[in-house]
Amino acid sequence: MEKNKIAVVIPVYNEKSTIVQILKQIKKFATPIVVNDFSSDGTTHLLRKNGFKFLYNSKNMGYKYSLIKGIKFAYLNKFKIIISFDADNQHKISDLKKIIKLLRKYDLVYTSRNSFGRISEYFFCFLAKKIYKINDPLSGLKGYRNKVIKNFNFGSNLNLFGAEILIYSLNKNFKIKCIDIKIQSRLDKPRIGNTITSNLKIFVSCFFLIFSYFKSQN
């Protein structure tokens, strides 16, 4: 498939050490859609210096907001395949290419990581396995055919930390595939807050996960 039909959505917040290298690789076979979440470390300057266009948040809005903003933008611009990809170099380009191939057959492809960075992620994924029989809905590497996005409610208040479209697709019985991936180690700290804050955010998302399940049963 032509690269102008494939969008790779990349939420970015203070990732100057990795973002340019990632974008140079992705643009060879897909169209990167960067959502710059009010970066303050020089990321914005580097993107402009290297000629990369990007969407920009006028204040720091967080990962979920930036992710949904990029996916919605890609859908409205008629991309046939939309893939989310992290900016911290933990995801491999080879896995991204694998997802593109699998989306010829499946409506949605998500990934299951070999390790998690936070104790709250283990708990969230344990619940997801029990309730929905899925392995790792928090992984940032997921791919969608545009028909999955068509009727998704972008105004949903559910806070599933980037897993909203996957849970929606499970409830709608789309054809879904999971692949195992090995993440690469990042050199610095994650961008969603300190250990206490980030764990708290994900623990709160556990309640939304349970609520989403019971809502789908009604």
Protein backbone atom coordinates (compact mmCIF):
# COMPACT_ATOMS: atom_id res chain seq x y z
CA MET A 1 0.00 0.00 0.00
CA GLU A 2 1.22 3.53 -0.84
CA LYS A 3 2.71 5.43 2.07
CA ASN A 4 0.24 8.29 1.58
CA LYS A 5 -2.50 5.85 2.64
CA ILE A 6 -0.73 4.84 5.87
CA ALA A 7 -0.63 7.24 8.83
CA VAL A 8 1.60 6.70 11.85
CA VAL A 9 0.36 8.82 14.77
CA ILE A 10 3.09 9.79 17.22
CA PRO A 11 2.25 11.75 20.39
CA VAL A 12 5.38 13.67 21.40
CA TYR A 13 6.28 15.37 24.65
CA ASN A 14 9.93 16.30 25.24
CA GLU A 15 11.50 13.58 23.09
CA LYS A 16 14.26 15.54 21.36
CA SER A 17 16.77 12.70 21.72
CA THR A 18 14.71 10.21 19.70
CA ILE A 19 11.99 11.83 17.60
CA VAL A 20 13.99 12.89 14.52
CA GLN A 21 15.62 9.48 14.11
CA ILE A 22 12.22 7.78 14.37
CA LEU A 23 10.56 10.11 11.87
CA LYS A 24 13.33 9.70 9.30
CA GLN A 25 12.74 5.94 9.33
CA ILE A 26 8.94 6.08 9.25
CA LYS A 27 8.65 8.59 6.40
CA LYS A 28 10.28 6.05 4.05
CA PHE A 29 7.12 3.90 4.02
CA ALA A 30 4.35 5.85 5.79
CA THR A 31 3.14 9.35 6.62
CA PRO A 32 4.07 10.37 10.18
CA ILE A 33 1.51 12.49 12.03
CA VAL A 34 3.23 14.07 15.00
CA VAL A 35 1.17 15.58 17.80
CA ASN A 36 3.51 17.86 19.74
CA ASP A 37 2.11 18.11 23.26
CA PHE A 38 3.63 21.50 24.16
CA SER A 39 7.20 20.20 24.33
CA SER A 40 9.67 22.47 26.12
CA ASP A 41 12.99 20.66 25.66
CA GLY A 42 13.87 21.64 22.09
CA THR A 43 11.68 19.03 20.37
CA THR A 44 9.69 21.74 18.56
CA HIS A 45 12.86 23.37 17.22
CA LEU A 46 14.22 20.04 15.97
CA LEU A 47 10.97 19.17 14.19
CA ARG A 48 10.98 22.51 12.39
CA LYS A 49 14.70 22.38 11.63
CA ASN A 50 14.31 18.96 9.98
CA GLY A 51 11.20 19.95 8.04
CA PHE A 52 8.66 17.77 9.83
CA LYS A 53 5.12 19.11 10.02
CA PHE A 54 3.22 18.53 13.23
CA LEU A 55 0.00 19.22 15.10
CA TYR A 56 0.56 21.35 18.18
CA ASN A 57 -1.17 21.58 21.55
CA SER A 58 -1.11 25.10 22.99
CA LYS A 59 -0.66 23.58 26.45
CA ASN A 60 0.30 20.16 27.76
CA MET A 61 -2.83 18.01 27.32
CA GLY A 62 -1.48 14.52 28.00
CA TYR A 63 -1.00 11.31 26.07
CA LYS A 64 -4.64 10.30 25.53
CA TYR A 65 -5.69 13.70 24.21
CA SER A 66 -2.73 13.84 21.81
CA LEU A 67 -3.27 10.27 20.64
CA ILE A 68 -6.97 10.75 19.89
CA LYS A 69 -6.27 14.10 18.23
CA GLY A 70 -3.79 12.46 15.86
CA ILE A 71 -6.02 9.47 15.08
CA LYS A 72 -9.00 11.71 14.39
CA PHE A 73 -6.86 13.90 12.12
CA ALA A 74 -5.66 10.84 10.18
CA TYR A 75 -9.19 9.51 9.76
CA LEU A 76 -10.59 12.85 8.57
CA ASN A 77 -7.74 13.03 6.04
CA LYS A 78 -8.81 9.72 4.49
CA PHE A 79 -5.90 7.49 5.52
CA LYS A 80 -6.81 3.82 5.08
CA ILE A 81 -4.48 2.53 7.81
CA ILE A 82 -3.78 4.35 11.08
CA ILE A 83 -1.09 3.17 13.49
CA SER A 84 -0.11 4.60 16.88
CA PHE A 85 3.59 4.60 17.70
CA ASP A 86 5.50 5.93 20.72
CA ALA A 87 8.17 8.61 20.41
CA ASP A 88 10.60 7.22 23.02
CA ASN A 89 12.27 4.62 20.75
CA GLN A 90 10.86 1.67 22.72
CA HIS A 91 8.97 0.40 19.67
CA LYS A 92 10.77 -1.23 16.76
CA ILE A 93 10.29 -0.17 13.16
CA SER A 94 10.24 -3.85 12.19
CA ASP A 95 7.15 -4.38 14.38
CA LEU A 96 5.50 -1.36 12.80
CA LYS A 97 6.04 -2.87 9.34
CA LYS A 98 4.66 -6.19 10.56
CA ILE A 99 1.45 -4.49 11.69
CA ILE A 100 1.03 -2.83 8.29
CA LYS A 101 1.15 -6.26 6.60
CA LEU A 102 -1.28 -7.81 9.09
CA LEU A 103 -3.80 -5.01 8.53
CA ARG A 104 -4.39 -6.42 5.06
CA LYS A 105 -6.20 -9.25 6.84
CA TYR A 106 -7.33 -7.83 10.19
CA ASP A 107 -9.33 -4.76 11.20
CA LEU A 108 -7.18 -4.03 14.25
CA VAL A 109 -3.76 -5.25 15.34
CA TYR A 110 -2.46 -4.58 18.84
CA THR A 111 0.73 -5.62 20.58
CA SER A 112 1.64 -7.34 23.82
CA ARG A 113 4.89 -6.18 25.42
CA ASN A 114 7.42 -8.47 27.09
CA SER A 115 7.66 -6.19 30.15
CA PHE A 116 5.90 -3.27 31.83
CA GLY A 117 7.42 -0.21 33.46
CA ARG A 118 4.88 0.23 36.27
CA ILE A 119 3.17 -2.02 38.80
CA SER A 120 -0.20 -0.46 37.87
CA GLU A 121 0.21 -1.74 34.30
CA TYR A 122 0.40 -5.32 35.56
CA PHE A 123 -2.85 -4.82 37.46
CA PHE A 124 -4.63 -3.16 34.52
CA CYS A 125 -3.53 -5.92 32.15
CA PHE A 126 -4.56 -8.59 34.67
CA LEU A 127 -8.07 -7.12 34.71
CA ALA A 128 -8.16 -6.85 30.92
CA LYS A 129 -7.17 -10.50 30.61
CA LYS A 130 -9.91 -11.57 33.02
CA ILE A 131 -12.64 -9.38 31.56
CA TYR A 132 -11.87 -9.16 27.85
CA LYS A 133 -9.37 -12.02 27.31
CA ILE A 134 -6.77 -9.62 25.92
CA ASN A 135 -3.13 -9.39 26.92
CA ASP A 136 -1.82 -5.82 26.94
CA PRO A 137 -4.28 -3.07 25.97
CA LEU A 138 -1.93 -0.37 27.28
CA SER A 139 0.74 -0.96 24.65
CA GLY A 140 1.14 2.19 22.55
CA LEU A 141 1.74 0.26 19.33
CA LYS A 142 -1.61 -0.49 17.68
CA GLY A 143 -2.92 -0.42 14.11
CA TYR A 144 -6.40 0.21 12.77
CA ARG A 145 -8.16 0.05 9.45
CA ASN A 146 -10.14 3.25 8.96
CA LYS A 147 -13.50 1.44 9.18
CA VAL A 148 -12.74 0.77 12.87
CA ILE A 149 -12.50 4.51 13.49
CA LYS A 150 -15.61 5.38 11.46
CA ASN A 151 -18.19 5.09 14.25
CA PHE A 152 -15.89 5.52 17.24
CA ASN A 153 -17.12 8.21 19.62
CA PHE A 154 -14.19 10.62 19.90
CA GLY A 155 -16.10 12.52 22.55
CA SER A 156 -16.14 9.55 24.92
CA ASN A 157 -15.11 10.39 28.46
CA LEU A 158 -13.75 6.93 29.15
CA ASN A 159 -10.15 7.14 30.32
CA LEU A 160 -8.56 3.84 29.32
CA PHE A 161 -5.10 5.27 28.73
CA GLY A 162 -5.07 4.75 24.97
CA ALA A 163 -7.02 1.47 25.01
CA GLU A 164 -10.41 3.04 24.19
CA ILE A 165 -10.55 2.06 20.51
CA LEU A 166 -9.39 -1.50 21.23
CA ILE A 167 -12.11 -2.01 23.85
CA TYR A 168 -14.68 -0.46 21.50
CA SER A 169 -13.57 -2.82 18.71
CA LEU A 170 -13.89 -5.85 20.96
CA ASN A 171 -17.45 -4.85 21.82
CA LYS A 172 -18.22 -4.39 18.10
CA ASN A 173 -16.69 -7.76 17.09
CA PHE A 174 -14.10 -6.44 14.66
CA LYS A 175 -11.46 -8.88 13.42
CA ILE A 176 -8.56 -8.41 15.84
CA LYS A 177 -5.03 -9.79 16.03
CA CYS A 178 -2.45 -9.56 18.83
CA ILE A 179 1.29 -9.96 18.29
CA ASP A 180 4.04 -10.22 20.90
CA ILE A 181 6.78 -7.59 20.85
CA LYS A 182 9.98 -6.92 22.76
CA ILE A 183 10.34 -3.30 23.73
CA GLN A 184 13.66 -1.49 23.67
CA SER A 185 14.95 0.17 26.83
CA ARG A 186 14.54 3.92 27.03
CA LEU A 187 17.42 5.99 28.36
CA ASP A 188 15.41 8.37 30.50
CA LYS A 189 12.15 8.61 32.45
CA PRO A 190 8.65 8.18 30.95
CA ARG A 191 6.75 11.40 30.19
CA ILE A 192 3.37 10.75 31.84
CA GLY A 193 4.51 11.86 35.28
CA ASN A 194 6.48 10.54 38.22
CA THR A 195 6.05 7.03 39.57
CA ILE A 196 3.25 7.91 42.00
CA THR A 197 1.33 10.08 39.54
CA SER A 198 1.57 7.70 36.59
CA ASN A 199 0.61 4.67 38.68
CA LEU A 200 -2.37 6.57 40.07
CA LYS A 201 -3.56 7.50 36.56
CA ILE A 202 -3.46 3.88 35.45
CA PHE A 203 -5.14 2.59 38.62
CA VAL A 204 -7.98 5.06 37.98
CA SER A 205 -8.22 3.69 34.44
CA CYS A 206 -8.90 0.25 35.93
CA PHE A 207 -12.25 1.50 37.20
CA PHE A 208 -13.12 2.80 33.74
CA LEU A 209 -12.18 -0.60 32.29
CA ILE A 210 -14.64 -2.36 34.61
CA PHE A 211 -17.31 0.28 33.93
CA SER A 212 -16.83 -0.14 30.16
CA TYR A 213 -17.35 -3.88 30.44
CA PHE A 214 -20.58 -3.67 32.41
CA LYS A 215 -21.86 -0.92 30.11
CA SER A 216 -21.30 -3.17 27.09
CA GLN A 217 -23.37 -5.92 28.73
CA ASN A 218 -26.49 -3.76 28.94
